[in-house]
Amino acid sequence: MLFESVAYAMGAAPNGAQAQGPAGMFQAFLPLILLFAIFYFLLIRPQQKKQKQHRAMLDSLKKGDKVWTNGGILGTISDIDGDNMTVEIAQGVNVVIKRGFVADLDRQNDNKKDK
């Protein structure tokens, strides 16, 4: 008696009371689609935009720019040779770094010039 009612509860509803077909599948995947859309607009898209801006900054580097490296060192670009850059971090101290290790331009001097 007990097992018959459980088996009946697990079976499909008679006369198509449960959504079936393409519309039913769409309803089943709708929460997943909405979740992906939320992740895309809150996480993926801003990250892609930030990477695009960083790549544009790396492509626009030139001699004389003050840059911050990923190691937290501030220096001035003294030479650019393809993907390698020579950065002067102190008077007479030059280091060669890859272009991809530049974290940001030194914008502190830009802000002082604007004031």
PDB file of N, CA and C in Angstrom:
ATOM      1  N   MET A   1       0.816  -1.185   0.000  1.00  0.00           N
ATOM      2  CA  MET A   1       0.000   0.000   0.000  1.00  0.00           C
ATOM      3  C   MET A   1       0.862   1.252   0.000  1.00  0.00           C
ATOM      4  N   LEU A   2       1.876   1.276   0.844  1.00  0.00           N
ATOM      5  CA  LEU A   2       2.759   2.435   0.924  1.00  0.00           C
ATOM      6  C   LEU A   2       3.575   2.588  -0.354  1.00  0.00           C
ATOM      7  N   PHE A   3       4.100   1.511  -0.877  1.00  0.00           N
ATOM      8  CA  PHE A   3       4.945   1.586  -2.068  1.00  0.00           C
ATOM      9  C   PHE A   3       4.156   1.988  -3.313  1.00  0.00           C
ATOM     10  N   GLU A   4       2.912   1.635  -3.374  1.00  0.00           N
ATOM     11  CA  GLU A   4       2.100   2.020  -4.534  1.00  0.00           C
ATOM     12  C   GLU A   4       1.916   3.530  -4.583  1.00  0.00           C
ATOM     13  N   SER A   5       1.702   4.159  -3.441  1.00  0.00           N
ATOM     14  CA  SER A   5       1.514   5.618  -3.444  1.00  0.00           C
ATOM     15  C   SER A   5       2.823   6.344  -3.758  1.00  0.00           C
ATOM     16  N   VAL A   6       3.945   5.783  -3.299  1.00  0.00           N
ATOM     17  CA  VAL A   6       5.240   6.401  -3.614  1.00  0.00           C
ATOM     18  C   VAL A   6       5.531   6.262  -5.095  1.00  0.00           C
ATOM     19  N   ALA A   7       5.285   5.079  -5.663  1.00  0.00           N
ATOM     20  CA  ALA A   7       5.507   4.867  -7.084  1.00  0.00           C
ATOM     21  C   ALA A   7       4.587   5.759  -7.905  1.00  0.00           C
ATOM     22  N   TYR A   8       3.399   5.975  -7.494  1.00  0.00           N
ATOM     23  CA  TYR A   8       2.486   6.856  -8.206  1.00  0.00           C
ATOM     24  C   TYR A   8       2.976   8.294  -8.135  1.00  0.00           C
ATOM     25  N   ALA A   9       3.532   8.699  -7.007  1.00  0.00           N
ATOM     26  CA  ALA A   9       4.026  10.065  -6.852  1.00  0.00           C
ATOM     27  C   ALA A   9       5.249  10.313  -7.723  1.00  0.00           C
ATOM     28  N   MET A  10       6.058   9.289  -7.982  1.00  0.00           N
ATOM     29  CA  MET A  10       7.255   9.461  -8.789  1.00  0.00           C
ATOM     30  C   MET A  10       6.967   9.433 -10.280  1.00  0.00           C
ATOM     31  N   GLY A  11       5.846   8.914 -10.684  1.00  0.00           N
ATOM     32  CA  GLY A  11       5.514   8.803 -12.096  1.00  0.00           C
ATOM     33  C   GLY A  11       5.062  10.121 -12.671  1.00  0.00           C
ATOM     34  N   ALA A  12       4.996  10.155 -13.998  1.00  0.00           N
ATOM     35  CA  ALA A  12       4.547  11.358 -14.681  1.00  0.00           C
ATOM     36  C   ALA A  12       3.074  11.589 -14.420  1.00  0.00           C
ATOM     37  N   ALA A  13       2.717  12.828 -14.371  1.00  0.00           N
ATOM     38  CA  ALA A  13       1.315  13.168 -14.143  1.00  0.00           C
ATOM     39  C   ALA A  13       0.490  12.809 -15.374  1.00  0.00           C
ATOM     40  N   PRO A  14      -0.705  12.345 -15.170  1.00  0.00           N
ATOM     41  CA  PRO A  14      -1.536  11.975 -16.307  1.00  0.00           C
ATOM     42  C   PRO A  14      -2.023  13.194 -17.088  1.00  0.00           C
ATOM     43  N   ASN A  15      -2.293  12.976 -18.363  1.00  0.00           N
ATOM     44  CA  ASN A  15      -2.863  13.988 -19.252  1.00  0.00           C
ATOM     45  C   ASN A  15      -1.954  15.212 -19.436  1.00  0.00           C
ATOM     46  N   GLY A  16      -0.648  15.033 -19.341  1.00  0.00           N
ATOM     47  CA  GLY A  16       0.293  16.112 -19.632  1.00  0.00           C
ATOM     48  C   GLY A  16       0.261  17.255 -18.649  1.00  0.00           C
ATOM     49  N   ALA A  17      -0.042  16.997 -17.401  1.00  0.00           N
ATOM     50  CA  ALA A  17      -0.055  18.071 -16.410  1.00  0.00           C
ATOM     51  C   ALA A  17       1.352  18.640 -16.216  1.00  0.00           C
ATOM     52  N   GLN A  18       2.358  17.810 -16.435  1.00  0.00           N
ATOM     53  CA  GLN A  18       3.732  18.287 -16.318  1.00  0.00           C
ATOM     54  C   GLN A  18       4.180  18.829 -17.676  1.00  0.00           C
ATOM     55  N   ALA A  19       4.909  19.894 -17.677  1.00  0.00           N
ATOM     56  CA  ALA A  19       5.353  20.483 -18.926  1.00  0.00           C
ATOM     57  C   ALA A  19       6.301  19.538 -19.638  1.00  0.00           C
ATOM     58  N   GLN A  20       6.052  19.323 -20.921  1.00  0.00           N
ATOM     59  CA  GLN A  20       6.871  18.423 -21.714  1.00  0.00           C
ATOM     60  C   GLN A  20       7.207  19.100 -23.022  1.00  0.00           C
ATOM     61  N   GLY A  21       8.147  18.493 -23.715  1.00  0.00           N
ATOM     62  CA  GLY A  21       8.510  19.012 -25.019  1.00  0.00           C
ATOM     63  C   GLY A  21       9.538  20.115 -24.901  1.00  0.00           C
ATOM     64  N   PRO A  22       9.730  20.894 -25.958  1.00  0.00           N
ATOM     65  CA  PRO A  22      10.748  21.952 -25.953  1.00  0.00           C
ATOM     66  C   PRO A  22      10.486  23.023 -24.897  1.00  0.00           C
ATOM     67  N   ALA A  23       9.225  23.351 -24.675  1.00  0.00           N
ATOM     68  CA  ALA A  23       8.925  24.366 -23.663  1.00  0.00           C
ATOM     69  C   ALA A  23       9.287  23.877 -22.269  1.00  0.00           C
ATOM     70  N   GLY A  24       9.052  22.601 -22.015  1.00  0.00           N
ATOM     71  CA  GLY A  24       9.410  22.040 -20.721  1.00  0.00           C
ATOM     72  C   GLY A  24      10.906  21.998 -20.506  1.00  0.00           C
ATOM     73  N   MET A  25      11.647  21.688 -21.565  1.00  0.00           N
ATOM     74  CA  MET A  25      13.109  21.683 -21.447  1.00  0.00           C
ATOM     75  C   MET A  25      13.626  23.098 -21.215  1.00  0.00           C
ATOM     76  N   PHE A  26      13.025  24.070 -21.909  1.00  0.00           N
ATOM     77  CA  PHE A  26      13.436  25.464 -21.729  1.00  0.00           C
ATOM     78  C   PHE A  26      13.199  25.913 -20.289  1.00  0.00           C
ATOM     79  N   GLN A  27      12.064  25.521 -19.735  1.00  0.00           N
ATOM     80  CA  GLN A  27      11.771  25.879 -18.344  1.00  0.00           C
ATOM     81  C   GLN A  27      12.740  25.214 -17.388  1.00  0.00           C
ATOM     82  N   ALA A  28      13.183  24.019 -17.731  1.00  0.00           N
ATOM     83  CA  ALA A  28      14.133  23.331 -16.858  1.00  0.00           C
ATOM     84  C   ALA A  28      15.502  24.006 -16.880  1.00  0.00           C
ATOM     85  N   PHE A  29      15.893  24.523 -18.044  1.00  0.00           N
ATOM     86  CA  PHE A  29      17.215  25.148 -18.157  1.00  0.00           C
ATOM     87  C   PHE A  29      17.200  26.647 -17.889  1.00  0.00           C
ATOM     88  N   LEU A  30      16.036  27.242 -17.748  1.00  0.00           N
ATOM     89  CA  LEU A  30      15.940  28.692 -17.541  1.00  0.00           C
ATOM     90  C   LEU A  30      16.733  29.176 -16.325  1.00  0.00           C
ATOM     91  N   PRO A  31      16.677  28.508 -15.176  1.00  0.00           N
ATOM     92  CA  PRO A  31      17.499  28.984 -14.056  1.00  0.00           C
ATOM     93  C   PRO A  31      18.992  28.931 -14.349  1.00  0.00           C
ATOM     94  N   LEU A  32      19.445  27.902 -15.061  1.00  0.00           N
ATOM     95  CA  LEU A  32      20.860  27.821 -15.410  1.00  0.00           C
ATOM     96  C   LEU A  32      21.257  28.924 -16.377  1.00  0.00           C
ATOM     97  N   ILE A  33      20.369  29.222 -17.326  1.00  0.00           N
ATOM     98  CA  ILE A  33      20.651  30.283 -18.295  1.00  0.00           C
ATOM     99  C   ILE A  33      20.722  31.632 -17.582  1.00  0.00           C
ATOM    100  N   LEU A  34      19.797  31.864 -16.671  1.00  0.00           N
ATOM    101  CA  LEU A  34      19.817  33.125 -15.913  1.00  0.00           C
ATOM    102  C   LEU A  34      21.059  33.233 -15.043  1.00  0.00           C
ATOM    103  N   LEU A  35      21.466  32.138 -14.446  1.00  0.00           N
ATOM    104  CA  LEU A  35      22.669  32.133 -13.608  1.00  0.00           C
ATOM    105  C   LEU A  35      23.907  32.440 -14.439  1.00  0.00           C
ATOM    106  N   PHE A  36      24.004  31.838 -15.625  1.00  0.00           N
ATOM    107  CA  PHE A  36      25.135  32.121 -16.505  1.00  0.00           C
ATOM    108  C   PHE A  36      25.131  33.580 -16.939  1.00  0.00           C
ATOM    109  N   ALA A  37      23.955  34.124 -17.241  1.00  0.00           N
ATOM    110  CA  ALA A  37      23.863  35.533 -17.654  1.00  0.00           C
ATOM    111  C   ALA A  37      24.325  36.453 -16.527  1.00  0.00           C
ATOM    112  N   ILE A  38      23.938  36.144 -15.310  1.00  0.00           N
ATOM    113  CA  ILE A  38      24.370  36.959 -14.170  1.00  0.00           C
ATOM    114  C   ILE A  38      25.882  36.888 -14.004  1.00  0.00           C
ATOM    115  N   PHE A  39      26.442  35.688 -14.092  1.00  0.00           N
ATOM    116  CA  PHE A  39      27.896  35.539 -13.984  1.00  0.00           C
ATOM    117  C   PHE A  39      28.603  36.291 -15.104  1.00  0.00           C
ATOM    118  N   TYR A  40      28.035  36.213 -16.309  1.00  0.00           N
ATOM    119  CA  TYR A  40      28.674  36.877 -17.446  1.00  0.00           C
ATOM    120  C   TYR A  40      28.721  38.386 -17.227  1.00  0.00           C
ATOM    121  N   PHE A  41      27.619  38.987 -16.831  1.00  0.00           N
ATOM    122  CA  PHE A  41      27.581  40.442 -16.712  1.00  0.00           C
ATOM    123  C   PHE A  41      28.240  40.959 -15.439  1.00  0.00           C
ATOM    124  N   LEU A  42      28.321  40.148 -14.395  1.00  0.00           N
ATOM    125  CA  LEU A  42      28.935  40.623 -13.156  1.00  0.00           C
ATOM    126  C   LEU A  42      30.398  40.227 -13.014  1.00  0.00           C
ATOM    127  N   LEU A  43      30.827  39.144 -13.637  1.00  0.00           N
ATOM    128  CA  LEU A  43      32.201  38.684 -13.452  1.00  0.00           C
ATOM    129  C   LEU A  43      33.005  38.643 -14.743  1.00  0.00           C
ATOM    130  N   ILE A  44      32.502  37.981 -15.750  1.00  0.00           N
ATOM    131  CA  ILE A  44      33.303  37.721 -16.944  1.00  0.00           C
ATOM    132  C   ILE A  44      33.501  38.985 -17.765  1.00  0.00           C
ATOM    133  N   ARG A  45      32.447  39.708 -18.049  1.00  0.00           N
ATOM    134  CA  ARG A  45      32.545  40.895 -18.909  1.00  0.00           C
ATOM    135  C   ARG A  45      33.428  41.996 -18.306  1.00  0.00           C
ATOM    136  N   PRO A  46      33.291  42.346 -17.010  1.00  0.00           N
ATOM    137  CA  PRO A  46      34.201  43.357 -16.453  1.00  0.00           C
ATOM    138  C   PRO A  46      35.666  42.920 -16.488  1.00  0.00           C
ATOM    139  N   GLN A  47      35.921  41.629 -16.280  1.00  0.00           N
ATOM    140  CA  GLN A  47      37.293  41.140 -16.326  1.00  0.00           C
ATOM    141  C   GLN A  47      37.854  41.251 -17.738  1.00  0.00           C
ATOM    142  N   GLN A  48      37.060  40.918 -18.744  1.00  0.00           N
ATOM    143  CA  GLN A  48      37.511  41.051 -20.129  1.00  0.00           C
ATOM    144  C   GLN A  48      37.784  42.512 -20.474  1.00  0.00           C
ATOM    145  N   LYS A  49      36.954  43.408 -19.994  1.00  0.00           N
ATOM    146  CA  LYS A  49      37.141  44.837 -20.256  1.00  0.00           C
ATOM    147  C   LYS A  49      38.432  45.333 -19.618  1.00  0.00           C
ATOM    148  N   LYS A  50      38.696  44.879 -18.385  1.00  0.00           N
ATOM    149  CA  LYS A  50      39.917  45.282 -17.692  1.00  0.00           C
ATOM    150  C   LYS A  50      41.151  44.738 -18.407  1.00  0.00           C
ATOM    151  N   GLN A  51      41.104  43.503 -18.891  1.00  0.00           N
ATOM    152  CA  GLN A  51      42.229  42.930 -19.626  1.00  0.00           C
ATOM    153  C   GLN A  51      42.469  43.684 -20.928  1.00  0.00           C
ATOM    154  N   LYS A  52      41.413  44.101 -21.579  1.00  0.00           N
ATOM    155  CA  LYS A  52      41.542  44.840 -22.834  1.00  0.00           C
ATOM    156  C   LYS A  52      42.206  46.198 -22.580  1.00  0.00           C
ATOM    157  N   GLN A  53      41.825  46.872 -21.494  1.00  0.00           N
ATOM    158  CA  GLN A  53      42.439  48.156 -21.158  1.00  0.00           C
ATOM    159  C   GLN A  53      43.915  47.982 -20.807  1.00  0.00           C
ATOM    160  N   HIS A  54      44.253  46.892 -20.085  1.00  0.00           N
ATOM    161  CA  HIS A  54      45.651  46.641 -19.710  1.00  0.00           C
ATOM    162  C   HIS A  54      46.481  46.370 -20.952  1.00  0.00           C
ATOM    163  N   ARG A  55      45.935  45.605 -21.883  1.00  0.00           N
ATOM    164  CA  ARG A  55      46.657  45.311 -23.125  1.00  0.00           C
ATOM    165  C   ARG A  55      46.878  46.591 -23.938  1.00  0.00           C
ATOM    166  N   ALA A  56      45.895  47.465 -23.981  1.00  0.00           N
ATOM    167  CA  ALA A  56      46.045  48.743 -24.694  1.00  0.00           C
ATOM    168  C   ALA A  56      47.111  49.600 -24.027  1.00  0.00           C
ATOM    169  N   MET A  57      47.169  49.581 -22.691  1.00  0.00           N
ATOM    170  CA  MET A  57      48.189  50.342 -21.966  1.00  0.00           C
ATOM    171  C   MET A  57      49.573  49.788 -22.282  1.00  0.00           C
ATOM    172  N   LEU A  58      49.713  48.450 -22.326  1.00  0.00           N
ATOM    173  CA  LEU A  58      51.007  47.843 -22.621  1.00  0.00           C
ATOM    174  C   LEU A  58      51.455  48.183 -24.039  1.00  0.00           C
ATOM    175  N   ASP A  59      50.524  48.229 -24.972  1.00  0.00           N
ATOM    176  CA  ASP A  59      50.866  48.544 -26.353  1.00  0.00           C
ATOM    177  C   ASP A  59      51.253  50.004 -26.534  1.00  0.00           C
ATOM    178  N   SER A  60      50.811  50.880 -25.649  1.00  0.00           N
ATOM    179  CA  SER A  60      51.075  52.310 -25.808  1.00  0.00           C
ATOM    180  C   SER A  60      52.291  52.775 -25.010  1.00  0.00           C
ATOM    181  N   LEU A  61      53.028  51.867 -24.380  1.00  0.00           N
ATOM    182  CA  LEU A  61      54.197  52.276 -23.591  1.00  0.00           C
ATOM    183  C   LEU A  61      55.280  52.841 -24.500  1.00  0.00           C
ATOM    184  N   LYS A  62      55.987  53.866 -24.005  1.00  0.00           N
ATOM    185  CA  LYS A  62      57.071  54.474 -24.780  1.00  0.00           C
ATOM    186  C   LYS A  62      58.169  54.917 -23.821  1.00  0.00           C
ATOM    187  N   LYS A  63      59.301  55.286 -24.389  1.00  0.00           N
ATOM    188  CA  LYS A  63      60.433  55.733 -23.583  1.00  0.00           C
ATOM    189  C   LYS A  63      60.021  56.924 -22.723  1.00  0.00           C
ATOM    190  N   GLY A  64      60.514  56.942 -21.516  1.00  0.00           N
ATOM    191  CA  GLY A  64      60.239  58.052 -20.619  1.00  0.00           C
ATOM    192  C   GLY A  64      59.020  57.853 -19.740  1.00  0.00           C
ATOM    193  N   ASP A  65      58.212  56.844 -20.017  1.00  0.00           N
ATOM    194  CA  ASP A  65      57.038  56.581 -19.179  1.00  0.00           C
ATOM    195  C   ASP A  65      57.480  56.006 -17.832  1.00  0.00           C
ATOM    196  N   LYS A  66      56.845  56.473 -16.786  1.00  0.00           N
ATOM    197  CA  LYS A  66      57.083  55.897 -15.456  1.00  0.00           C
ATOM    198  C   LYS A  66      56.074  54.783 -15.248  1.00  0.00           C
ATOM    199  N   VAL A  67      56.601  53.608 -14.893  1.00  0.00           N
ATOM    200  CA  VAL A  67      55.738  52.440 -14.783  1.00  0.00           C
ATOM    201  C   VAL A  67      55.959  51.733 -13.452  1.00  0.00           C
ATOM    202  N   TRP A  68      54.928  51.050 -13.016  1.00  0.00           N
ATOM    203  CA  TRP A  68      54.984  50.159 -11.868  1.00  0.00           C
ATOM    204  C   TRP A  68      55.070  48.736 -12.392  1.00  0.00           C
ATOM    205  N   THR A  69      56.002  47.969 -11.859  1.00  0.00           N
ATOM    206  CA  THR A  69      56.090  46.570 -12.261  1.00  0.00           C
ATOM    207  C   THR A  69      55.192  45.734 -11.353  1.00  0.00           C
ATOM    208  N   ASN A  70      55.007  44.482 -11.743  1.00  0.00           N
ATOM    209  CA  ASN A  70      54.205  43.593 -10.905  1.00  0.00           C
ATOM    210  C   ASN A  70      54.864  43.334  -9.557  1.00  0.00           C
ATOM    211  N   GLY A  71      56.175  43.540  -9.470  1.00  0.00           N
ATOM    212  CA  GLY A  71      56.885  43.383  -8.206  1.00  0.00           C
ATOM    213  C   GLY A  71      56.789  44.603  -7.317  1.00  0.00           C
ATOM    214  N   GLY A  72      56.143  45.655  -7.787  1.00  0.00           N
ATOM    215  CA  GLY A  72      55.972  46.855  -6.976  1.00  0.00           C
ATOM    216  C   GLY A  72      57.112  47.842  -7.099  1.00  0.00           C
ATOM    217  N   ILE A  73      57.898  47.737  -8.161  1.00  0.00           N
ATOM    218  CA  ILE A  73      59.038  48.639  -8.372  1.00  0.00           C
ATOM    219  C   ILE A  73      58.623  49.725  -9.355  1.00  0.00           C
ATOM    220  N   LEU A  74      58.956  50.960  -9.006  1.00  0.00           N
ATOM    221  CA  LEU A  74      58.679  52.102  -9.874  1.00  0.00           C
ATOM    222  C   LEU A  74      59.928  52.406 -10.664  1.00  0.00           C
ATOM    223  N   GLY A  75      59.778  52.600 -11.959  1.00  0.00           N
ATOM    224  CA  GLY A  75      60.929  52.912 -12.800  1.00  0.00           C
ATOM    225  C   GLY A  75      60.516  53.665 -14.038  1.00  0.00           C
ATOM    226  N   THR A  76      61.537  54.137 -14.733  1.00  0.00           N
ATOM    227  CA  THR A  76      61.317  54.875 -15.971  1.00  0.00           C
ATOM    228  C   THR A  76      61.840  54.043 -17.131  1.00  0.00           C
ATOM    229  N   ILE A  77      61.046  53.922 -18.161  1.00  0.00           N
ATOM    230  CA  ILE A  77      61.452  53.142 -19.322  1.00  0.00           C
ATOM    231  C   ILE A  77      62.544  53.906 -20.056  1.00  0.00           C
ATOM    232  N   SER A  78      63.710  53.242 -20.227  1.00  0.00           N
ATOM    233  CA  SER A  78      64.803  53.894 -20.940  1.00  0.00           C
ATOM    234  C   SER A  78      65.021  53.299 -22.317  1.00  0.00           C
ATOM    235  N   ASP A  79      64.529  52.072 -22.545  1.00  0.00           N
ATOM    236  CA  ASP A  79      64.672  51.471 -23.862  1.00  0.00           C
ATOM    237  C   ASP A  79      63.609  50.385 -24.034  1.00  0.00           C
ATOM    238  N   ILE A  80      63.118  50.273 -25.236  1.00  0.00           N
ATOM    239  CA  ILE A  80      62.152  49.220 -25.558  1.00  0.00           C
ATOM    240  C   ILE A  80      62.692  48.443 -26.737  1.00  0.00           C
ATOM    241  N   ASP A  81      62.816  47.133 -26.556  1.00  0.00           N
ATOM    242  CA  ASP A  81      63.293  46.258 -27.631  1.00  0.00           C
ATOM    243  C   ASP A  81      62.296  45.115 -27.789  1.00  0.00           C
ATOM    244  N   GLY A  82      61.301  45.344 -28.591  1.00  0.00           N
ATOM    245  CA  GLY A  82      60.286  44.317 -28.811  1.00  0.00           C
ATOM    246  C   GLY A  82      59.477  44.054 -27.551  1.00  0.00           C
ATOM    247  N   ASP A  83      59.640  42.849 -27.013  1.00  0.00           N
ATOM    248  CA  ASP A  83      58.884  42.469 -25.817  1.00  0.00           C
ATOM    249  C   ASP A  83      59.663  42.767 -24.539  1.00  0.00           C
ATOM    250  N   ASN A  84      60.927  43.144 -24.676  1.00  0.00           N
ATOM    251  CA  ASN A  84      61.757  43.468 -23.505  1.00  0.00           C
ATOM    252  C   ASN A  84      61.882  44.976 -23.348  1.00  0.00           C
ATOM    253  N   MET A  85      61.926  45.408 -22.094  1.00  0.00           N
ATOM    254  CA  MET A  85      62.073  46.829 -21.821  1.00  0.00           C
ATOM    255  C   MET A  85      63.154  47.006 -20.771  1.00  0.00           C
ATOM    256  N   THR A  86      63.970  48.040 -20.953  1.00  0.00           N
ATOM    257  CA  THR A  86      64.957  48.400 -19.945  1.00  0.00           C
ATOM    258  C   THR A  86      64.358  49.507 -19.096  1.00  0.00           C
ATOM    259  N   VAL A  87      64.313  49.253 -17.811  1.00  0.00           N
ATOM    260  CA  VAL A  87      63.694  50.201 -16.889  1.00  0.00           C
ATOM    261  C   VAL A  87      64.750  50.667 -15.896  1.00  0.00           C
ATOM    262  N   GLU A  88      64.877  51.977 -15.754  1.00  0.00           N
ATOM    263  CA  GLU A  88      65.809  52.545 -14.784  1.00  0.00           C
ATOM    264  C   GLU A  88      65.064  52.718 -13.470  1.00  0.00           C
ATOM    265  N   ILE A  89      65.486  51.936 -12.462  1.00  0.00           N
ATOM    266  CA  ILE A  89      64.774  51.966 -11.180  1.00  0.00           C
ATOM    267  C   ILE A  89      65.470  52.869 -10.169  1.00  0.00           C
ATOM    268  N   ALA A  90      66.727  53.213 -10.431  1.00  0.00           N
ATOM    269  CA  ALA A  90      67.467  54.186  -9.637  1.00  0.00           C
ATOM    270  C   ALA A  90      68.513  54.765 -10.570  1.00  0.00           C
ATOM    271  N   GLN A  91      69.180  55.806 -10.124  1.00  0.00           N
ATOM    272  CA  GLN A  91      70.162  56.432 -11.002  1.00  0.00           C
ATOM    273  C   GLN A  91      71.284  55.436 -11.308  1.00  0.00           C
ATOM    274  N   GLY A  92      71.394  55.068 -12.571  1.00  0.00           N
ATOM    275  CA  GLY A  92      72.430  54.143 -13.013  1.00  0.00           C
ATOM    276  C   GLY A  92      72.100  52.676 -12.824  1.00  0.00           C
ATOM    277  N   VAL A  93      70.918  52.361 -12.317  1.00  0.00           N
ATOM    278  CA  VAL A  93      70.504  50.967 -12.115  1.00  0.00           C
ATOM    279  C   VAL A  93      69.399  50.644 -13.122  1.00  0.00           C
ATOM    280  N   ASN A  94      69.762  49.828 -14.099  1.00  0.00           N
ATOM    281  CA  ASN A  94      68.807  49.455 -15.141  1.00  0.00           C
ATOM    282  C   ASN A  94      68.505  47.968 -15.043  1.00  0.00           C
ATOM    283  N   VAL A  95      67.263  47.628 -15.200  1.00  0.00           N
ATOM    284  CA  VAL A  95      66.850  46.228 -15.231  1.00  0.00           C
ATOM    285  C   VAL A  95      66.053  46.011 -16.502  1.00  0.00           C
ATOM    286  N   VAL A  96      66.128  44.781 -16.996  1.00  0.00           N
ATOM    287  CA  VAL A  96      65.377  44.413 -18.193  1.00  0.00           C
ATOM    288  C   VAL A  96      64.195  43.571 -17.750  1.00  0.00           C
ATOM    289  N   ILE A  97      63.019  43.967 -18.175  1.00  0.00           N
ATOM    290  CA  ILE A  97      61.807  43.228 -17.819  1.00  0.00           C
ATOM    291  C   ILE A  97      60.993  42.958 -19.080  1.00  0.00           C
ATOM    292  N   LYS A  98      60.141  41.977 -18.998  1.00  0.00           N
ATOM    293  CA  LYS A  98      59.212  41.714 -20.084  1.00  0.00           C
ATOM    294  C   LYS A  98      58.082  42.736 -20.044  1.00  0.00           C
ATOM    295  N   ARG A  99      57.567  43.042 -21.177  1.00  0.00           N
ATOM    296  CA  ARG A  99      56.484  44.028 -21.269  1.00  0.00           C
ATOM    297  C   ARG A  99      55.263  43.611 -20.438  1.00  0.00           C
ATOM    298  N   GLY A 100      55.020  42.323 -20.365  1.00  0.00           N
ATOM    299  CA  GLY A 100      53.847  41.840 -19.648  1.00  0.00           C
ATOM    300  C   GLY A 100      53.923  42.002 -18.141  1.00  0.00           C
ATOM    301  N   PHE A 101      55.124  42.316 -17.616  1.00  0.00           N
ATOM    302  CA  PHE A 101      55.266  42.490 -16.177  1.00  0.00           C
ATOM    303  C   PHE A 101      55.064  43.933 -15.738  1.00  0.00           C
ATOM    304  N   VAL A 102      54.659  44.785 -16.643  1.00  0.00           N
ATOM    305  CA  VAL A 102      54.294  46.148 -16.263  1.00  0.00           C
ATOM    306  C   VAL A 102      52.857  46.110 -15.756  1.00  0.00           C
ATOM    307  N   ALA A 103      52.687  46.537 -14.515  1.00  0.00           N
ATOM    308  CA  ALA A 103      51.355  46.496 -13.918  1.00  0.00           C
ATOM    309  C   ALA A 103      50.539  47.727 -14.291  1.00  0.00           C
ATOM    310  N   ASP A 104      51.189  48.908 -14.234  1.00  0.00           N
ATOM    311  CA  ASP A 104      50.423  50.131 -14.476  1.00  0.00           C
ATOM    312  C   ASP A 104      51.370  51.287 -14.738  1.00  0.00           C
ATOM    313  N   LEU A 105      50.854  52.317 -15.342  1.00  0.00           N
ATOM    314  CA  LEU A 105      51.592  53.566 -15.472  1.00  0.00           C
ATOM    315  C   LEU A 105      51.526  54.304 -14.152  1.00  0.00           C
ATOM    316  N   ASP A 106      52.557  55.109 -13.884  1.00  0.00           N
ATOM    317  CA  ASP A 106      52.540  55.920 -12.666  1.00  0.00           C
ATOM    318  C   ASP A 106      51.660  57.128 -12.916  1.00  0.00           C
ATOM    319  N   ARG A 107      50.473  57.086 -12.381  1.00  0.00           N
ATOM    320  CA  ARG A 107      49.503  58.160 -12.631  1.00  0.00           C
ATOM    321  C   ARG A 107      49.580  59.258 -11.573  1.00  0.00           C
ATOM    322  N   GLN A 108      50.439  59.086 -10.580  1.00  0.00           N
ATOM    323  CA  GLN A 108      50.562  60.083  -9.522  1.00  0.00           C
ATOM    324  C   GLN A 108      51.078  61.399 -10.097  1.00  0.00           C
ATOM    325  N   ASN A 109      52.046  61.329 -11.025  1.00  0.00           N
ATOM    326  CA  ASN A 109      52.576  62.549 -11.620  1.00  0.00           C
ATOM    327  C   ASN A 109      51.559  63.203 -12.533  1.00  0.00           C
ATOM    328  N   ASP A 110      50.733  62.381 -13.203  1.00  0.00           N
ATOM    329  CA  ASP A 110      49.684  62.940 -14.051  1.00  0.00           C
ATOM    330  C   ASP A 110      48.687  63.732 -13.224  1.00  0.00           C
ATOM    331  N   ASN A 111      48.338  63.234 -12.045  1.00  0.00           N
ATOM    332  CA  ASN A 111      47.387  63.933 -11.176  1.00  0.00           C
ATOM    333  C   ASN A 111      47.969  65.245 -10.670  1.00  0.00           C
ATOM    334  N   LYS A 112      49.283  65.276 -10.387  1.00  0.00           N
ATOM    335  CA  LYS A 112      49.905  66.521  -9.912  1.00  0.00           C
ATOM    336  C   LYS A 112      49.928  67.574 -11.010  1.00  0.00           C
ATOM    337  N   LYS A 113      50.136  67.120 -12.272  1.00  0.00           N
ATOM    338  CA  LYS A 113      50.174  68.061 -13.384  1.00  0.00           C
ATOM    339  C   LYS A 113      48.809  68.690 -13.616  1.00  0.00           C
ATOM    340  N   ASP A 114      47.754  67.917 -13.386  1.00  0.00           N
ATOM    341  CA  ASP A 114      46.402  68.422 -13.609  1.00  0.00           C
ATOM    342  C   ASP A 114      46.001  69.482 -12.605  1.00  0.00           C
ATOM    343  N   LYS A 115      46.572  69.436 -11.388  1.00  0.00           N
ATOM    344  CA  LYS A 115      46.165  70.393 -10.344  1.00  0.00           C
ATOM    345  C   LYS A 115      46.787  71.744 -10.529  1.00  0.00           C
TER     346      LYS A 115
END
